[in-house]
Amino acid sequence: MTQATECSEKPVTAANTAATARILYVHGRSTCHGGSPTSLLDIVTHLDRDRFEPLVLCPAAGELSERLGEVEVPVVTRQFVELKRETALQFGLDVAWYHRWLRRESIALVHVNTLDWRPSVVLAARLRGIPCVQHVRNLPHQERRNFSFRWANRIITVSDDVGRPFREDPLFRDKTRTIYNPVDLSCYEDHEDRRPDIAADGRPVIGFVGQLKAGKGVHTLIEALSRVLERHPTALLVIVGCDPSETGDYERECRRLAEERRIEPQVIFTGFRRDVPAWMRTFDVFVLPTRYETFGKVVIEAMAAGCPVVASAVGGIPEILCRPELGTLIPPDDPEATAQAIIRYLQEPELARKVGDAGREHVRKHFSLDAMMRKLESLYDELLAGSRPTQV
């Protein structure tokens, strides 16, 4: 298994062949919760290794480096140097260090995977003439003040909604591309689920997968459940995910709300789980009552499992549920609308089946890993064909 190594003067590994372009993926954190690290894992796992060789840079060893080690992707670690007045000298030394390191590692292209960017890496790459890709997975602010956006040769956005401010700005318009987050359909080909563990008696299962933070609307879903139970008193709500904060305040708030509504026995918190496909196959309805979502990868994961989806009409989600037969869009912060959408699917199993089948086919056509990787590798080819790294 590949181990994470600290950035040093010694090369990590030798480049495979002259025909293989080494891609440096820069990730701002060492955890593996959320869409950005899982998308990074998808990319490096399915990259065409005959043409591209991945190398990942992150702040420290941790869960992300462990997961990358499982798929034999080399990882190097190096702490951030923030661009501040008091760290100007250290920042300059960091740029010089990366300038040498990028050449020594034969890096052909830098792909910055999150907005927790490293300006020293990007500046060093720019000085060397190495093309850079900035992946924008969250709604940006003050785009023109972000040097990473200015210096990037291409900006990838995870939805047209996220890409709108870039396309409206002539400074970024021509170099912005939308490439949706994909789903690995191979994970959804078997029929394993978790129903025997939680609902062997066949009771309805409503599901949520995601981080437990206020913006995801889990409190709205718990409020909705109290209304659903009036019509379906045996229903269960399964919440898959963890509170990313150190305090865990939001999870406690959600548990307290379930207690106040006296529905605590019918709300199950599983914590963080890696077997998401099996949970998606368990749900009779998947619900994401989020206040904002740049894309909504969990939505296409639920659809890949054939599960009907109820989700907020915000951010990039309407780009996925673009037709009524693919799922139900609801307003955020609306327990009544959420409950009615859930009840409809529970009361009309044939409708739920048809929506689930249509969603699965839609994902296969538009959100497969193969389709995303073809677009991404084509973008790499485009940049590498026009790049001429300097030898300064």
Protein backbone atom coordinates (compact mmCIF):
# COMPACT_ATOMS: atom_id res chain seq x y z
CA MET A 1 0.00 0.00 0.00
CA THR A 2 1.31 3.45 -0.88
CA GLN A 3 2.17 5.59 2.16
CA ALA A 4 1.97 9.38 2.43
CA THR A 5 5.42 10.97 2.43
CA GLU A 6 6.47 14.45 3.42
CA CYS A 7 7.59 16.72 0.59
CA SER A 8 11.37 16.54 0.41
CA GLU A 9 14.27 17.04 -1.97
CA LYS A 10 14.09 13.35 -2.87
CA PRO A 11 11.70 12.52 -5.75
CA VAL A 12 8.56 10.65 -4.69
CA THR A 13 8.74 8.19 -7.58
CA ALA A 14 10.19 8.25 -11.04
CA ALA A 15 7.80 9.18 -13.82
CA ASN A 16 6.62 6.07 -15.67
CA THR A 17 7.45 6.95 -19.27
CA ALA A 18 8.13 9.99 -21.40
CA ALA A 19 4.63 9.55 -22.85
CA THR A 20 2.99 9.69 -19.40
CA ALA A 21 2.06 13.14 -18.08
CA ARG A 22 2.36 13.46 -14.32
CA ILE A 23 -0.61 15.36 -12.83
CA LEU A 24 -0.26 16.96 -9.40
CA TYR A 25 -3.58 17.10 -7.54
CA VAL A 26 -3.55 19.71 -4.77
CA HIS A 27 -6.12 19.11 -2.02
CA GLY A 28 -6.57 21.54 0.87
CA ARG A 29 -7.49 19.10 3.65
CA SER A 30 -6.55 15.66 4.93
CA THR A 31 -10.03 14.41 5.84
CA CYS A 32 -12.24 12.37 3.53
CA HIS A 33 -15.72 13.70 4.37
CA GLY A 34 -17.79 15.46 1.73
CA GLY A 35 -17.95 15.63 -2.04
CA SER A 36 -14.54 17.13 -2.89
CA PRO A 37 -12.32 14.33 -1.51
CA THR A 38 -14.60 11.57 -2.81
CA SER A 39 -14.58 13.21 -6.24
CA LEU A 40 -10.78 13.38 -6.09
CA LEU A 41 -10.71 9.67 -5.29
CA ASP A 42 -12.95 8.99 -8.28
CA ILE A 43 -10.66 10.98 -10.58
CA VAL A 44 -7.32 9.48 -9.56
CA THR A 45 -8.73 5.96 -9.39
CA HIS A 46 -10.13 6.04 -12.93
CA LEU A 47 -7.47 8.17 -14.63
CA ASP A 48 -6.05 6.58 -17.78
CA ARG A 49 -2.72 5.39 -16.36
CA ASP A 50 -1.33 4.76 -19.84
CA ARG A 51 -1.38 8.53 -20.41
CA PHE A 52 -1.55 10.19 -16.99
CA GLU A 53 0.17 9.56 -13.66
CA PRO A 54 -1.47 11.02 -10.52
CA LEU A 55 0.37 12.45 -7.53
CA VAL A 56 -1.61 14.02 -4.65
CA LEU A 57 -0.43 16.84 -2.39
CA CYS A 58 -2.30 17.47 0.89
CA PRO A 59 -1.45 19.11 4.25
CA ALA A 60 -0.88 15.99 6.38
CA ALA A 61 -1.31 12.25 6.56
CA GLY A 62 -4.85 11.23 7.45
CA GLU A 63 -7.93 9.48 6.18
CA LEU A 64 -7.55 10.88 2.66
CA SER A 65 -3.99 9.60 2.30
CA GLU A 66 -5.12 6.21 3.63
CA ARG A 67 -7.86 5.98 1.03
CA LEU A 68 -5.45 7.03 -1.71
CA GLY A 69 -3.00 4.41 -0.51
CA GLU A 70 -5.69 1.76 -0.96
CA VAL A 71 -5.78 2.57 -4.69
CA GLU A 72 -1.98 2.91 -4.89
CA VAL A 73 -1.86 6.63 -5.60
CA PRO A 74 1.27 8.30 -4.17
CA VAL A 75 0.66 11.09 -1.66
CA VAL A 76 3.00 13.82 -0.45
CA THR A 77 2.31 16.13 2.48
CA ARG A 78 3.40 19.68 3.23
CA GLN A 79 1.84 22.28 5.51
CA PHE A 80 0.30 25.50 4.22
CA VAL A 81 2.01 28.85 4.12
CA GLU A 82 -0.73 31.49 4.10
CA LEU A 83 -0.22 34.59 2.02
CA LYS A 84 -0.09 37.32 4.68
CA ARG A 85 2.06 40.36 5.26
CA GLU A 86 3.77 38.73 8.25
CA THR A 87 4.52 35.54 6.29
CA ALA A 88 5.73 37.24 3.10
CA LEU A 89 9.31 35.99 3.41
CA GLN A 90 8.25 32.45 4.25
CA PHE A 91 5.78 32.52 1.37
CA GLY A 92 8.51 33.58 -1.05
CA LEU A 93 10.76 30.78 0.16
CA ASP A 94 7.87 28.35 -0.27
CA VAL A 95 7.35 29.47 -3.88
CA ALA A 96 11.06 28.93 -4.58
CA TRP A 97 10.92 25.48 -2.97
CA TYR A 98 7.92 24.41 -5.07
CA HIS A 99 9.57 25.85 -8.18
CA ARG A 100 12.41 23.37 -7.73
CA TRP A 101 10.17 20.54 -6.55
CA LEU A 102 7.76 20.72 -9.50
CA ARG A 103 10.68 20.35 -11.90
CA ARG A 104 12.23 17.51 -9.92
CA GLU A 105 8.92 15.62 -9.87
CA SER A 106 8.41 16.19 -13.63
CA ILE A 107 4.96 17.70 -13.01
CA ALA A 108 3.23 18.41 -16.32
CA LEU A 109 -0.04 19.87 -14.97
CA VAL A 110 -1.39 21.05 -11.61
CA HIS A 111 -5.05 20.38 -10.72
CA VAL A 112 -6.19 22.29 -7.60
CA ASN A 113 -9.12 20.29 -6.23
CA THR A 114 -10.58 22.70 -3.66
CA LEU A 115 -10.78 26.41 -2.86
CA ASP A 116 -8.39 25.75 0.05
CA TRP A 117 -5.74 26.49 -2.53
CA ARG A 118 -2.01 26.86 -2.12
CA PRO A 119 -0.98 30.09 -3.84
CA SER A 120 2.69 29.18 -3.50
CA VAL A 121 2.16 26.00 -5.57
CA VAL A 122 0.07 27.79 -8.19
CA LEU A 123 2.54 30.68 -8.49
CA ALA A 124 5.48 28.28 -8.78
CA ALA A 125 3.67 26.38 -11.52
CA ARG A 126 2.91 29.62 -13.36
CA LEU A 127 6.56 30.65 -13.21
CA ARG A 128 7.55 27.30 -14.65
CA GLY A 129 4.94 27.49 -17.42
CA ILE A 130 3.05 24.50 -16.06
CA PRO A 131 -0.70 24.70 -16.82
CA CYS A 132 -3.08 24.85 -13.85
CA VAL A 133 -6.68 23.75 -13.45
CA GLN A 134 -8.79 25.20 -10.61
CA HIS A 135 -11.73 23.00 -9.61
CA VAL A 136 -14.52 25.08 -8.05
CA ARG A 137 -16.80 22.94 -5.90
CA ASN A 138 -18.26 25.66 -3.69
CA LEU A 139 -19.89 28.98 -4.46
CA PRO A 140 -17.03 31.48 -4.98
CA HIS A 141 -16.82 35.01 -3.59
CA GLN A 142 -14.83 37.97 -4.90
CA GLU A 143 -13.58 35.97 -7.86
CA ARG A 144 -11.30 38.71 -9.17
CA ARG A 145 -9.42 38.93 -5.87
CA ASN A 146 -8.55 35.21 -5.92
CA PHE A 147 -5.18 34.78 -7.61
CA SER A 148 -5.87 31.10 -8.21
CA PHE A 149 -8.76 32.01 -10.51
CA ARG A 150 -6.67 34.62 -12.31
CA TRP A 151 -3.66 32.35 -12.77
CA ALA A 152 -5.57 29.19 -13.69
CA ASN A 153 -5.53 28.15 -17.34
CA ARG A 154 -8.93 26.49 -16.89
CA ILE A 155 -11.63 26.74 -14.24
CA ILE A 156 -13.83 23.68 -13.76
CA THR A 157 -17.16 24.23 -12.01
CA VAL A 158 -19.32 21.39 -10.71
CA SER A 159 -22.54 22.93 -12.03
CA ASP A 160 -23.72 25.71 -14.30
CA ASP A 161 -25.07 27.43 -11.19
CA VAL A 162 -21.58 27.61 -9.66
CA GLY A 163 -20.14 28.62 -13.01
CA ARG A 164 -22.53 31.52 -13.58
CA PRO A 165 -20.39 34.28 -11.97
CA PHE A 166 -17.39 33.12 -14.00
CA ARG A 167 -19.28 33.03 -17.29
CA GLU A 168 -20.68 36.49 -16.61
CA ASP A 169 -17.16 37.90 -16.14
CA PRO A 170 -15.13 38.46 -19.33
CA LEU A 171 -11.95 37.79 -17.34
CA PHE A 172 -12.96 34.17 -16.73
CA ARG A 173 -15.63 33.38 -19.32
CA ASP A 174 -13.48 31.72 -21.98
CA LYS A 175 -11.59 29.45 -19.61
CA THR A 176 -14.53 28.17 -17.57
CA ARG A 177 -15.97 24.67 -18.10
CA THR A 178 -18.73 22.76 -16.29
CA ILE A 179 -17.92 19.14 -15.54
CA TYR A 180 -20.45 17.52 -13.24
CA ASN A 181 -19.39 15.28 -10.37
CA PRO A 182 -20.01 11.69 -11.48
CA VAL A 183 -21.08 8.48 -9.80
CA ASP A 184 -19.24 5.18 -10.06
CA LEU A 185 -22.03 3.01 -11.42
CA SER A 186 -20.09 -0.18 -10.71
CA CYS A 187 -20.77 0.39 -7.00
CA TYR A 188 -24.50 0.06 -7.67
CA GLU A 189 -24.51 -3.15 -9.67
CA ASP A 190 -25.08 -5.57 -6.77
CA HIS A 191 -28.16 -5.75 -4.55
CA GLU A 192 -26.68 -5.49 -1.05
CA ASP A 193 -28.63 -3.26 1.32
CA ARG A 194 -28.98 -2.59 5.05
CA ARG A 195 -32.73 -3.25 5.36
CA PRO A 196 -32.34 -6.54 7.27
CA ASP A 197 -30.36 -4.63 9.92
CA ILE A 198 -32.89 -1.86 10.51
CA ALA A 199 -36.26 -2.73 8.97
CA ALA A 200 -36.54 -6.49 8.55
CA ASP A 201 -40.30 -6.14 9.08
CA GLY A 202 -40.64 -4.17 5.83
CA ARG A 203 -41.45 -0.80 7.34
CA PRO A 204 -40.83 2.28 5.10
CA VAL A 205 -37.32 3.73 5.25
CA ILE A 206 -36.66 7.42 4.52
CA GLY A 207 -33.00 8.27 4.04
CA PHE A 208 -30.57 11.15 4.22
CA VAL A 209 -26.83 11.01 3.40
CA GLY A 210 -24.49 13.94 3.97
CA GLN A 211 -22.70 16.07 6.49
CA LEU A 212 -24.70 17.00 9.56
CA LYS A 213 -24.62 20.76 9.41
CA ALA A 214 -27.42 23.30 9.49
CA GLY A 215 -27.33 24.09 5.79
CA LYS A 216 -28.21 20.50 4.89
CA GLY A 217 -31.66 20.85 6.45
CA VAL A 218 -31.71 17.70 8.62
CA HIS A 219 -33.84 19.58 11.17
CA THR A 220 -36.39 20.23 8.41
CA LEU A 221 -36.44 16.51 7.61
CA ILE A 222 -37.04 15.58 11.25
CA GLU A 223 -39.92 18.06 11.41
CA ALA A 224 -41.29 16.53 8.22
CA LEU A 225 -41.04 13.03 9.68
CA SER A 226 -43.43 13.96 12.50
CA ARG A 227 -46.02 14.73 9.80
CA VAL A 228 -45.22 11.60 7.77
CA LEU A 229 -45.75 9.42 10.84
CA GLU A 230 -49.37 10.57 11.02
CA ARG A 231 -49.96 8.66 7.76
CA HIS A 232 -47.23 6.03 8.03
CA PRO A 233 -46.68 5.40 11.75
CA THR A 234 -44.02 2.70 11.29
CA ALA A 235 -41.72 4.73 9.02
CA LEU A 236 -38.04 5.13 9.91
CA LEU A 237 -35.70 8.01 9.15
CA VAL A 238 -32.06 6.96 8.67
CA ILE A 239 -29.45 9.73 8.77
CA VAL A 240 -26.10 8.64 7.33
CA GLY A 241 -23.24 11.05 7.98
CA CYS A 242 -21.45 12.92 10.72
CA ASP A 243 -21.18 16.43 12.08
CA PRO A 244 -17.92 17.82 10.64
CA SER A 245 -17.55 20.37 13.45
CA GLU A 246 -15.45 19.67 16.51
CA THR A 247 -18.35 20.44 18.84
CA GLY A 248 -21.05 18.27 17.25
CA ASP A 249 -23.61 20.94 18.15
CA TYR A 250 -25.83 20.45 15.11
CA GLU A 251 -26.12 16.69 15.58
CA ARG A 252 -27.11 17.25 19.21
CA GLU A 253 -29.66 19.81 18.05
CA CYS A 254 -31.18 17.28 15.64
CA ARG A 255 -31.28 14.55 18.29
CA ARG A 256 -32.91 16.99 20.74
CA LEU A 257 -35.52 17.93 18.13
CA ALA A 258 -36.40 14.26 17.61
CA GLU A 259 -36.82 13.90 21.37
CA GLU A 260 -39.03 16.99 21.59
CA ARG A 261 -41.26 15.66 18.81
CA ARG A 262 -41.33 12.27 20.59
CA ILE A 263 -40.13 10.45 17.49
CA GLU A 264 -36.65 9.60 18.76
CA PRO A 265 -37.09 5.78 18.35
CA GLN A 266 -37.81 6.24 14.65
CA VAL A 267 -34.75 8.36 13.86
CA ILE A 268 -31.50 6.43 13.39
CA PHE A 269 -28.12 8.19 13.26
CA THR A 270 -25.52 5.88 11.70
CA GLY A 271 -22.52 8.23 11.75
CA PHE A 272 -20.04 8.36 8.87
CA ARG A 273 -20.24 5.29 6.63
CA ARG A 274 -18.29 4.21 3.58
CA ASP A 275 -20.97 1.76 2.38
CA VAL A 276 -23.20 4.50 0.94
CA PRO A 277 -24.44 2.43 -2.06
CA ALA A 278 -25.86 -0.22 0.28
CA TRP A 279 -27.68 2.45 2.30
CA MET A 280 -29.06 4.09 -0.84
CA ARG A 281 -30.50 0.71 -1.88
CA THR A 282 -32.13 0.46 1.55
CA PHE A 283 -34.13 3.68 1.29
CA ASP A 284 -37.67 3.83 -0.07
CA VAL A 285 -37.24 7.61 -0.47
CA PHE A 286 -34.08 9.71 -0.36
CA VAL A 287 -34.49 13.29 0.90
CA LEU A 288 -32.10 16.25 0.73
CA PRO A 289 -33.88 19.36 2.11
CA THR A 290 -30.72 21.47 1.85
CA ARG A 291 -30.60 25.26 1.85
CA TYR A 292 -27.92 25.28 -0.84
CA GLU A 293 -26.02 22.67 -2.80
CA THR A 294 -23.43 23.50 -5.43
CA PHE A 295 -24.15 20.23 -7.21
CA GLY A 296 -25.59 17.42 -5.11
CA LYS A 297 -23.60 14.24 -5.71
CA VAL A 298 -25.69 12.35 -3.16
CA VAL A 299 -28.70 13.02 -5.38
CA ILE A 300 -27.17 11.16 -8.32
CA GLU A 301 -25.96 8.42 -5.95
CA ALA A 302 -29.54 7.88 -4.80
CA MET A 303 -30.76 7.92 -8.40
CA ALA A 304 -28.07 5.38 -9.38
CA ALA A 305 -29.53 3.08 -6.73
CA GLY A 306 -33.01 3.47 -8.23
CA CYS A 307 -34.26 5.42 -5.23
CA PRO A 308 -36.83 8.20 -5.79
CA VAL A 309 -35.47 11.58 -4.70
CA VAL A 310 -36.99 14.55 -2.89
CA ALA A 311 -34.58 17.50 -2.89
CA SER A 312 -34.53 21.28 -2.57
CA ALA A 313 -34.78 23.34 -5.75
CA VAL A 314 -31.53 25.16 -5.02
CA GLY A 315 -28.04 25.45 -6.51
CA GLY A 316 -27.14 22.71 -8.97
CA ILE A 317 -29.90 20.27 -7.97
CA PRO A 318 -32.41 21.44 -10.64
CA GLU A 319 -29.72 20.65 -13.24
CA ILE A 320 -29.95 17.02 -12.08
CA LEU A 321 -33.71 16.77 -11.47
CA CYS A 322 -34.38 18.65 -14.69
CA ARG A 323 -37.71 16.92 -15.40
CA PRO A 324 -40.59 16.04 -13.03
CA GLU A 325 -40.33 12.32 -13.80
CA LEU A 326 -36.78 12.26 -12.38
CA GLY A 327 -37.70 13.32 -8.84
CA THR A 328 -39.47 15.94 -6.74
CA LEU A 329 -38.15 19.44 -6.12
CA ILE A 330 -39.22 21.19 -2.93
CA PRO A 331 -38.57 24.59 -1.31
CA PRO A 332 -35.89 24.58 1.41
CA ASP A 333 -36.96 25.03 5.05
CA ASP A 334 -40.46 23.72 4.31
CA PRO A 335 -41.34 20.68 6.47
CA GLU A 336 -44.89 20.49 5.10
CA ALA A 337 -43.83 20.33 1.42
CA THR A 338 -41.10 17.84 2.35
CA ALA A 339 -43.59 15.63 4.19
CA GLN A 340 -46.13 15.69 1.37
CA ALA A 341 -43.52 14.70 -1.21
CA ILE A 342 -42.38 11.79 0.98
CA ILE A 343 -45.93 10.64 1.66
CA ARG A 344 -46.75 10.62 -2.03
CA TYR A 345 -43.91 8.18 -2.80
CA LEU A 346 -44.77 5.97 0.18
CA GLN A 347 -48.44 5.83 -0.81
CA GLU A 348 -47.78 5.26 -4.52
CA PRO A 349 -45.13 2.52 -4.80
CA GLU A 350 -45.63 2.23 -8.56
CA LEU A 351 -44.84 5.93 -8.97
CA ALA A 352 -41.78 5.48 -6.75
CA ARG A 353 -40.60 2.59 -8.93
CA LYS A 354 -41.08 4.54 -12.17
CA VAL A 355 -39.25 7.60 -10.82
CA GLY A 356 -36.45 5.40 -9.49
CA ASP A 357 -36.04 3.63 -12.84
CA ALA A 358 -36.06 6.92 -14.78
CA GLY A 359 -33.51 8.40 -12.40
CA ARG A 360 -31.18 5.42 -12.74
CA GLU A 361 -31.25 5.64 -16.53
CA HIS A 362 -30.72 9.43 -16.45
CA VAL A 363 -27.61 9.00 -14.31
CA ARG A 364 -26.23 6.34 -16.64
CA LYS A 365 -26.59 8.67 -19.61
CA HIS A 366 -25.39 11.93 -18.07
CA PHE A 367 -23.43 11.40 -14.86
CA SER A 368 -21.29 8.30 -15.33
CA LEU A 369 -17.62 8.22 -14.42
CA ASP A 370 -16.70 7.34 -18.00
CA ALA A 371 -18.42 10.46 -19.34
CA MET A 372 -16.76 12.72 -16.75
CA MET A 373 -13.30 11.23 -17.23
CA ARG A 374 -13.52 11.67 -21.01
CA LYS A 375 -14.29 15.37 -20.53
CA LEU A 376 -11.57 15.85 -17.92
CA GLU A 377 -8.87 14.01 -19.85
CA SER A 378 -9.80 15.93 -22.99
CA LEU A 379 -9.28 19.16 -21.04
CA TYR A 380 -5.88 17.88 -19.85
CA ASP A 381 -4.92 17.03 -23.44
CA GLU A 382 -5.95 20.50 -24.58
CA LEU A 383 -3.76 22.18 -21.96
CA LEU A 384 -0.77 19.86 -22.33
CA ALA A 385 -0.74 20.30 -26.07
CA GLY A 386 -0.24 24.04 -25.66
CA SER A 387 2.07 24.05 -22.64
CA ARG A 388 5.82 24.61 -22.78
CA PRO A 389 7.24 24.52 -19.23
CA THR A 390 10.18 26.86 -18.78
CA GLN A 391 13.55 25.66 -17.53
CA VAL A 392 14.37 28.61 -15.29
